[in-house]
Amino acid sequence: MKDYEETIAFLGEWGTFQWLIFIALGLGVVPNGYWPVSMVFVGDIPPHHCRVPFLNSSYGEQDYNLSIPTEELKGEIILSRCRRYTEKRDSYSAYSNDTEGCVDGWVFSKERYASTIVTEWSLVCDDAWKAPFPVTVFFFGSLAGSFGSGILSDRYGRKITFFSAKVLQILLGFLLAASTRWEMFCVLYCALGVMTTTTYCVCFALGSEILIKSARESFGILVAVLYGAGYTIPPVLAFFIRDWRILQTGLSLVVFIYIPLFWYIPESPRWLITQGRLQEAEAIIRAAAKRNGITPPEKIFQLEHSADTKATEHVEDSCKFTYLDPLKKGNDRISVITLPEDILQLELSSDTKGTKRGSSGRDKYTWLDLLKNQNMRNITFINILTWLTISLTYFGLSLDISNLDGDPCVNSLISAATEFVGCVFLWFSIHYAPRRFVLPFTLLLGGALQLFIQLVPNELSGLIITLVVTGRLVMIGAFGFVFVYSSELFPTVVRGMGLGVSSMAGGIGCALSPYVAHIGTYNKTLPFILMGTISLFSGGLSLLLPETKGEKLPELISQVKPLQGCCLKMKSGDGIRVNGHVE
């Protein structure tokens, strides 16, 4: 019996259907690139100082010089941002030398922005911690999305989960623009983080399962490129729109273009097969063949009859389905299909022992199945560590880019340019290098560059910046590549949960990255030492992952490959697997 990819090989790798899925799903990740970076503009902290009741001057006017003390910021003398002189009421002198907080509020500069959430709710001085807090809860929402997306997509389907999250993204975007309180904004932004990560994980799983071979590899690169393209949208819009509410509304409108794609993107046939919904899976394959101008075989999913064993005959008879084919006429509409041999193993193999069954009698996989056997545990653990490392390093190094002098719109575009350069590196590496080489190479090189920074004298600032930017470029490549590699390592029955738990680990790395970067205020080299060390450790472990380039996607947990190593031995079935071979 042929496996799934051999069964649908008649469709070809590239046709109208594949191009439609390739582009439509790729566009689905564009908002994921701009929601986090949008806070650079929505939550910008403009220059500010205390408001003086009887002065109506704009920010920085000379009228404030006598009522507000000065302070030094980055080598520049400015009016104090959080203190003002106390007014005297029993003296000819208007002010004493004593100071007090900004009891009457603040005056904000409008040179760059008309309004931000900081100016809207005065998130400065004692409340300064509230300004970056929405980003923190966004990443916590991403953690929740990573956890829930796998469960929902594996249980209810990739398509319905993906488009439900898209609709909620639009709704939450408009509600954010209408927020009346900081607390409301934080709750909505956290929910937006849930939806953003959900669409990213499910989109990748859906594309990996519908596309095959080289198309799947190119899809991973397209996702990385369009993620970077999404990164450019906020700075471009913010250059023309200086009010945070209007900017937020504009970003939400962009997501609207994905709603019509609901009628063009199908459910994953692989997922439908694992759920026993053979009629729907075959209907999708036939529709794809029609779109590609190909005549499909009379029977797509069929199992050759064997009378050698009574058990096999019984299973085959019990798994036949009769249905009316909408693409045929007359008596030819009556079709009989049977469950493929590799899917039947869901019920027969020891792989399913201990797995829960639903009301229909079919196996229902849970998070515990990611720890089912030694091979599955190893793959899961290494993926968790590598995703955490890449996210921590990627966003940690990104903080240096955001702190560049100049207009933040220009700085963000420069940062987006590094995304595209990283994607070029990703494209060459994913097409011309083994999977087992690319991931360790990016992690080991990135870690080495960061550790080398501590050896560079502070006077050579140009060299330090070059090392930081180069390290970030390498991590950009790793960021896009790890989605491709992980989706090929996890089997279909738990792929959504596998990508979900890995993405959840990445979310933890995102949440930790600001605090790791904050250590740099006390010791400039310590963040690079921490990120470099964990990158080297993760890179070393990733050398043990099996090769997946050009190979079939695993369908079942029992098909997961063992780790690779010179002297590594693992049990596999009834034999001992040595370097991938059963003895």
Foldseek 3Di string as FASTA:
>chain_A
DDDDCVLLCLLPQDFPLLVLLLVLLLLLLLLLLALLVLLCQQLPAFDKAADDVVDPDAPPDPVQPVFFDWDDDPNDIDTDHFKTFDADDPDPDGGDPDIDGRPVAMHGDPPQFPDHVCRLAVCDDVNVVLSCVLSLLLLVLLLVLLQPLLQCCLPVFLLVQQVVLLVLLLVLLLVLLVDDDSVSNSVSSNPNSSSSNSNVLSSLLQSCQQHDAPSNLVSLLSNLLSSLVSLLVSLVVCVVHRYSSVSSNVSSVVSVVSVVCSVSRDTRLLSCLLVLNNVRSVLVSCVSCVSRVHDRDLASAADDDDPPDPVVNVQFVVFKDWDAQPVDDDPSRTDIHGRHPVSSVQVVPPLCVPFDADPVRGGAHDLCSCVSDDQSVLLLVLLLLLLLLLLLLLVLLVVVLCPDDDDSSVSSVVVSVLSVLLSVVLVCCSVPHWLLCLLLVLLLLLLVLLLCLVVDDPVPVVSNNVSSSVSNSSSSSNNSSSSSVLLQQDAPSSSSSSSSSSSSSNSVSNSCNVVLSVCCVVPVSRSSNVSSVSSNVSSVSSNFADTRRRHDRHHGPLPRFHTADDADWDDRDPAIAHRRRGD
